[in-house]
C-alpha cells in the first residue's frame, strides 16, 4: 500500500468495505473518481482511526451502496452522480 506524506495508507484497504470503495473509485475513471479518492485521503489524514463502510444498498443506486466514514458515529458520506461527486458532512459529528 502506498503511504501519503502524513503516513496514512492510501487505498487498497484490507476489509471488504474498503475494497468496495477502491473498486468504486476505479470504476469512476474520470474526475469524479479522482475527487472521491482525494476526499477519502483527506478524511483518513484527519482521523487515522476512521472506519470505512458501504451502506444503503438499494435498486436506485444499482445496489452499490454509499461510502460512509465513521468514528463512533457517522462523520460523512461520499456520493456521486452523473454531474458531481459530493461529500456530505454531518454537523457536530467530528470525534473529540
N, C-alpha and C. Protein backbone atom coordinates (compact mmCIF):
# COMPACT_ATOMS: atom_id res chain seq x y z
N UNK A 1 0.82 -1.18 0.00
CA UNK A 1 0.00 0.00 0.00
C UNK A 1 0.86 1.25 0.00
N UNK A 2 0.41 2.23 -0.71
CA UNK A 2 1.13 3.49 -0.81
C UNK A 2 0.79 4.36 0.40
N UNK A 3 1.79 5.00 0.98
CA UNK A 3 1.55 5.89 2.10
C UNK A 3 1.72 7.33 1.65
N UNK A 4 0.90 8.19 2.24
CA UNK A 4 0.99 9.61 1.94
C UNK A 4 2.09 10.22 2.80
N UNK A 5 2.36 11.51 2.60
CA UNK A 5 3.39 12.19 3.38
C UNK A 5 3.08 12.16 4.87
N UNK A 6 1.79 12.16 5.23
CA UNK A 6 1.41 12.15 6.65
C UNK A 6 1.50 10.75 7.25
N UNK A 7 1.79 9.74 6.42
CA UNK A 7 1.93 8.38 6.92
C UNK A 7 0.64 7.57 6.86
N UNK A 8 -0.42 8.15 6.35
CA UNK A 8 -1.69 7.45 6.24
C UNK A 8 -1.66 6.58 4.99
N UNK A 9 -2.10 5.33 5.14
CA UNK A 9 -2.13 4.43 3.99
C UNK A 9 -3.25 4.84 3.06
N UNK A 10 -2.99 4.75 1.79
CA UNK A 10 -3.93 5.22 0.78
C UNK A 10 -4.46 4.05 -0.02
N UNK A 11 -5.79 3.88 -0.05
CA UNK A 11 -6.42 2.86 -0.88
C UNK A 11 -6.05 1.45 -0.49
N UNK A 12 -6.56 0.49 -1.24
CA UNK A 12 -6.29 -0.93 -1.09
C UNK A 12 -6.38 -1.40 0.36
N UNK A 13 -7.48 -1.01 1.04
CA UNK A 13 -7.69 -1.45 2.41
C UNK A 13 -7.93 -2.94 2.48
N UNK A 14 -7.78 -3.51 3.66
CA UNK A 14 -7.91 -4.94 3.81
C UNK A 14 -9.34 -5.43 3.98
N UNK A 15 -10.23 -4.58 4.51
CA UNK A 15 -11.58 -5.05 4.75
C UNK A 15 -12.44 -4.92 3.50
N UNK A 16 -13.52 -5.69 3.42
CA UNK A 16 -14.35 -5.69 2.21
C UNK A 16 -14.93 -4.32 1.84
N UNK A 17 -15.31 -3.51 2.82
CA UNK A 17 -15.86 -2.19 2.52
C UNK A 17 -14.81 -1.31 1.86
N UNK A 18 -13.58 -1.34 2.36
CA UNK A 18 -12.51 -0.55 1.75
C UNK A 18 -12.25 -1.02 0.32
N UNK A 19 -12.32 -2.33 0.11
CA UNK A 19 -12.12 -2.86 -1.23
C UNK A 19 -13.24 -2.44 -2.17
N UNK A 20 -14.48 -2.35 -1.65
CA UNK A 20 -15.59 -1.90 -2.47
C UNK A 20 -15.43 -0.43 -2.85
N UNK A 21 -14.94 0.37 -1.92
CA UNK A 21 -14.71 1.79 -2.20
C UNK A 21 -13.57 1.93 -3.21
N UNK A 22 -12.52 1.10 -3.07
CA UNK A 22 -11.44 1.09 -4.08
C UNK A 22 -12.01 0.79 -5.46
N UNK A 23 -12.89 -0.22 -5.55
CA UNK A 23 -13.48 -0.60 -6.83
C UNK A 23 -14.33 0.53 -7.39
N UNK A 24 -15.06 1.22 -6.51
CA UNK A 24 -15.91 2.34 -6.96
C UNK A 24 -15.04 3.45 -7.54
N UNK A 25 -13.91 3.74 -6.89
CA UNK A 25 -13.01 4.79 -7.38
C UNK A 25 -12.45 4.40 -8.75
N UNK A 26 -12.05 3.13 -8.90
CA UNK A 26 -11.53 2.67 -10.19
C UNK A 26 -12.61 2.70 -11.26
N UNK A 27 -13.85 2.38 -10.89
CA UNK A 27 -14.97 2.39 -11.83
C UNK A 27 -15.22 3.81 -12.36
N UNK A 28 -15.06 4.78 -11.49
CA UNK A 28 -15.23 6.19 -11.89
C UNK A 28 -13.90 6.69 -12.40
N UNK A 29 -13.60 6.39 -13.63
CA UNK A 29 -12.27 6.69 -14.18
C UNK A 29 -12.11 8.15 -14.60
N UNK A 30 -13.08 9.00 -14.24
CA UNK A 30 -12.99 10.41 -14.60
C UNK A 30 -12.73 11.25 -13.35
N UNK A 31 -13.02 12.52 -13.43
CA UNK A 31 -12.75 13.45 -12.33
C UNK A 31 -13.53 13.10 -11.07
N UNK A 32 -14.67 12.41 -11.20
CA UNK A 32 -15.45 12.04 -10.01
C UNK A 32 -14.69 11.02 -9.15
N UNK A 33 -14.03 10.06 -9.80
CA UNK A 33 -13.23 9.08 -9.07
C UNK A 33 -12.03 9.73 -8.40
N UNK A 34 -11.38 10.66 -9.12
CA UNK A 34 -10.24 11.38 -8.54
C UNK A 34 -10.68 12.20 -7.33
N UNK A 35 -11.85 12.83 -7.43
CA UNK A 35 -12.36 13.64 -6.33
C UNK A 35 -12.69 12.77 -5.13
N UNK A 36 -13.34 11.63 -5.35
CA UNK A 36 -13.66 10.73 -4.25
C UNK A 36 -12.38 10.20 -3.60
N UNK A 37 -11.38 9.85 -4.39
CA UNK A 37 -10.11 9.35 -3.86
C UNK A 37 -9.40 10.43 -3.03
N UNK A 38 -9.41 11.66 -3.53
CA UNK A 38 -8.77 12.76 -2.79
C UNK A 38 -9.50 13.04 -1.49
N UNK A 39 -10.82 13.07 -1.52
CA UNK A 39 -11.60 13.29 -0.30
C UNK A 39 -11.38 12.16 0.70
N UNK A 40 -11.30 10.94 0.22
CA UNK A 40 -11.05 9.79 1.08
C UNK A 40 -9.69 9.93 1.77
N UNK A 41 -8.69 10.34 1.01
CA UNK A 41 -7.35 10.53 1.57
C UNK A 41 -7.37 11.61 2.66
N UNK A 42 -8.08 12.71 2.41
CA UNK A 42 -8.16 13.80 3.39
C UNK A 42 -8.87 13.36 4.67
N UNK A 43 -9.91 12.56 4.51
CA UNK A 43 -10.63 12.04 5.68
C UNK A 43 -9.71 11.16 6.51
N UNK A 44 -8.97 10.27 5.85
CA UNK A 44 -8.05 9.38 6.57
C UNK A 44 -6.90 10.15 7.22
N UNK A 45 -6.45 11.24 6.61
CA UNK A 45 -5.41 12.07 7.22
C UNK A 45 -5.94 12.76 8.46
N UNK A 46 -7.18 13.21 8.41
CA UNK A 46 -7.79 13.92 9.53
C UNK A 46 -8.04 13.00 10.71
N UNK A 47 -8.36 11.73 10.45
CA UNK A 47 -8.65 10.77 11.52
C UNK A 47 -8.15 9.40 11.09
N UNK A 48 -7.02 9.01 11.62
CA UNK A 48 -6.40 7.73 11.23
C UNK A 48 -7.23 6.53 11.67
N UNK A 49 -8.13 6.71 12.63
CA UNK A 49 -8.94 5.60 13.14
C UNK A 49 -10.33 5.54 12.50
N UNK A 50 -10.53 6.28 11.44
CA UNK A 50 -11.83 6.31 10.77
C UNK A 50 -12.15 4.92 10.21
N UNK A 51 -13.42 4.56 10.26
CA UNK A 51 -13.89 3.27 9.75
C UNK A 51 -14.64 3.53 8.45
N UNK A 52 -14.29 2.77 7.41
CA UNK A 52 -14.97 2.88 6.12
C UNK A 52 -16.00 1.77 6.01
N UNK A 53 -17.19 2.14 5.55
CA UNK A 53 -18.26 1.17 5.35
C UNK A 53 -18.99 1.52 4.07
N UNK A 54 -19.75 0.57 3.56
CA UNK A 54 -20.66 0.83 2.45
C UNK A 54 -22.05 0.50 2.96
N UNK A 55 -22.95 1.50 2.94
CA UNK A 55 -24.30 1.33 3.48
C UNK A 55 -25.33 1.71 2.43
N UNK A 56 -26.59 1.46 2.77
CA UNK A 56 -27.75 1.88 1.98
C UNK A 56 -27.73 1.36 0.55
N UNK A 57 -27.63 0.05 0.44
CA UNK A 57 -27.72 -0.60 -0.88
C UNK A 57 -29.19 -0.68 -1.28
N UNK A 58 -29.50 -0.15 -2.46
CA UNK A 58 -30.87 -0.19 -2.94
C UNK A 58 -30.88 -0.13 -4.46
N UNK A 59 -31.97 -0.55 -5.07
CA UNK A 59 -32.02 -0.58 -6.54
C UNK A 59 -31.73 0.77 -7.20
N UNK A 60 -32.09 1.86 -6.56
CA UNK A 60 -31.87 3.18 -7.17
C UNK A 60 -30.39 3.53 -7.31
N UNK A 61 -29.51 2.88 -6.53
CA UNK A 61 -28.07 3.10 -6.70
C UNK A 61 -27.38 1.82 -7.17
N UNK A 62 -28.11 1.03 -7.94
CA UNK A 62 -27.60 -0.22 -8.53
C UNK A 62 -27.04 -1.18 -7.49
N UNK A 63 -27.57 -1.11 -6.29
CA UNK A 63 -27.15 -1.97 -5.17
C UNK A 63 -25.68 -1.79 -4.79
N UNK A 64 -25.08 -0.67 -5.22
CA UNK A 64 -23.67 -0.42 -4.90
C UNK A 64 -23.51 0.16 -3.51
N UNK A 65 -24.51 0.83 -3.00
CA UNK A 65 -24.43 1.44 -1.68
C UNK A 65 -23.69 2.76 -1.72
N UNK A 66 -23.53 3.34 -0.54
CA UNK A 66 -22.91 4.66 -0.38
C UNK A 66 -21.71 4.52 0.54
N UNK A 67 -20.53 5.05 0.14
CA UNK A 67 -19.38 5.04 1.05
C UNK A 67 -19.66 5.90 2.28
N UNK A 68 -19.36 5.35 3.46
CA UNK A 68 -19.60 6.04 4.72
C UNK A 68 -18.33 5.98 5.56
N UNK A 69 -17.95 7.09 6.18
CA UNK A 69 -16.81 7.15 7.08
C UNK A 69 -17.31 7.49 8.47
N UNK A 70 -16.89 6.71 9.46
CA UNK A 70 -17.37 6.94 10.82
C UNK A 70 -16.26 6.71 11.83
N UNK A 71 -16.46 7.29 12.97
CA UNK A 71 -15.60 7.10 14.14
C UNK A 71 -16.53 7.29 15.33
N UNK A 72 -17.02 6.19 15.86
CA UNK A 72 -18.01 6.15 16.93
C UNK A 72 -19.41 6.53 16.42
N UNK A 73 -19.49 7.31 15.36
CA UNK A 73 -20.74 7.67 14.69
C UNK A 73 -20.39 8.17 13.30
N UNK A 74 -21.37 8.29 12.43
CA UNK A 74 -21.11 8.71 11.06
C UNK A 74 -20.56 10.13 11.03
N UNK A 75 -19.42 10.29 10.33
CA UNK A 75 -18.81 11.61 10.15
C UNK A 75 -19.27 12.20 8.83
N UNK A 76 -19.16 11.42 7.74
CA UNK A 76 -19.57 11.91 6.43
C UNK A 76 -19.83 10.74 5.49
N UNK A 77 -20.48 11.06 4.37
CA UNK A 77 -20.77 10.08 3.34
C UNK A 77 -20.28 10.62 2.00
N UNK A 78 -19.96 9.73 1.08
CA UNK A 78 -19.50 10.15 -0.24
C UNK A 78 -20.45 9.64 -1.30
N UNK A 79 -20.99 10.55 -2.07
CA UNK A 79 -21.91 10.15 -3.12
C UNK A 79 -21.44 10.68 -4.46
N UNK A 80 -21.89 10.03 -5.50
CA UNK A 80 -21.56 10.50 -6.84
C UNK A 80 -22.83 10.49 -7.67
N UNK A 81 -22.88 11.38 -8.61
CA UNK A 81 -23.97 11.39 -9.56
C UNK A 81 -23.38 11.57 -10.95
N UNK A 82 -24.21 11.77 -11.88
CA UNK A 82 -23.73 11.93 -13.25
C UNK A 82 -22.89 13.20 -13.39
N UNK A 83 -23.24 14.22 -12.64
CA UNK A 83 -22.61 15.53 -12.80
C UNK A 83 -21.70 15.96 -11.66
N UNK A 84 -21.70 15.23 -10.55
CA UNK A 84 -20.87 15.68 -9.42
C UNK A 84 -20.48 14.52 -8.52
N UNK A 85 -19.55 14.80 -7.64
CA UNK A 85 -19.12 13.89 -6.59
C UNK A 85 -19.14 14.71 -5.32
N UNK A 86 -19.88 14.27 -4.30
CA UNK A 86 -20.02 15.07 -3.10
C UNK A 86 -19.63 14.32 -1.85
N UNK A 87 -19.22 15.09 -0.86
CA UNK A 87 -19.00 14.59 0.49
C UNK A 87 -19.98 15.35 1.37
N UNK A 88 -20.89 14.63 2.00
CA UNK A 88 -21.86 15.26 2.89
C UNK A 88 -21.41 15.03 4.32
N UNK A 89 -21.10 16.12 5.02
CA UNK A 89 -20.64 16.05 6.40
C UNK A 89 -21.83 16.23 7.34
N UNK A 90 -21.77 15.60 8.47
CA UNK A 90 -22.81 15.72 9.48
C UNK A 90 -22.33 16.69 10.55
N UNK A 91 -22.98 17.83 10.72
CA UNK A 91 -22.53 18.85 11.68
C UNK A 91 -22.39 18.29 13.09
N UNK A 92 -21.32 18.68 13.74
CA UNK A 92 -21.09 18.26 15.11
C UNK A 92 -20.70 16.81 15.27
N UNK A 93 -20.32 16.15 14.21
CA UNK A 93 -20.01 14.73 14.27
C UNK A 93 -18.53 14.40 14.35
N UNK A 94 -17.66 15.39 14.36
CA UNK A 94 -16.24 15.08 14.42
C UNK A 94 -15.89 14.60 15.82
N UNK A 95 -15.14 13.50 15.93
CA UNK A 95 -14.78 12.97 17.25
C UNK A 95 -13.82 13.91 17.98
N UNK A 96 -13.94 13.93 19.27
CA UNK A 96 -13.07 14.77 20.08
C UNK A 96 -11.88 14.01 20.59
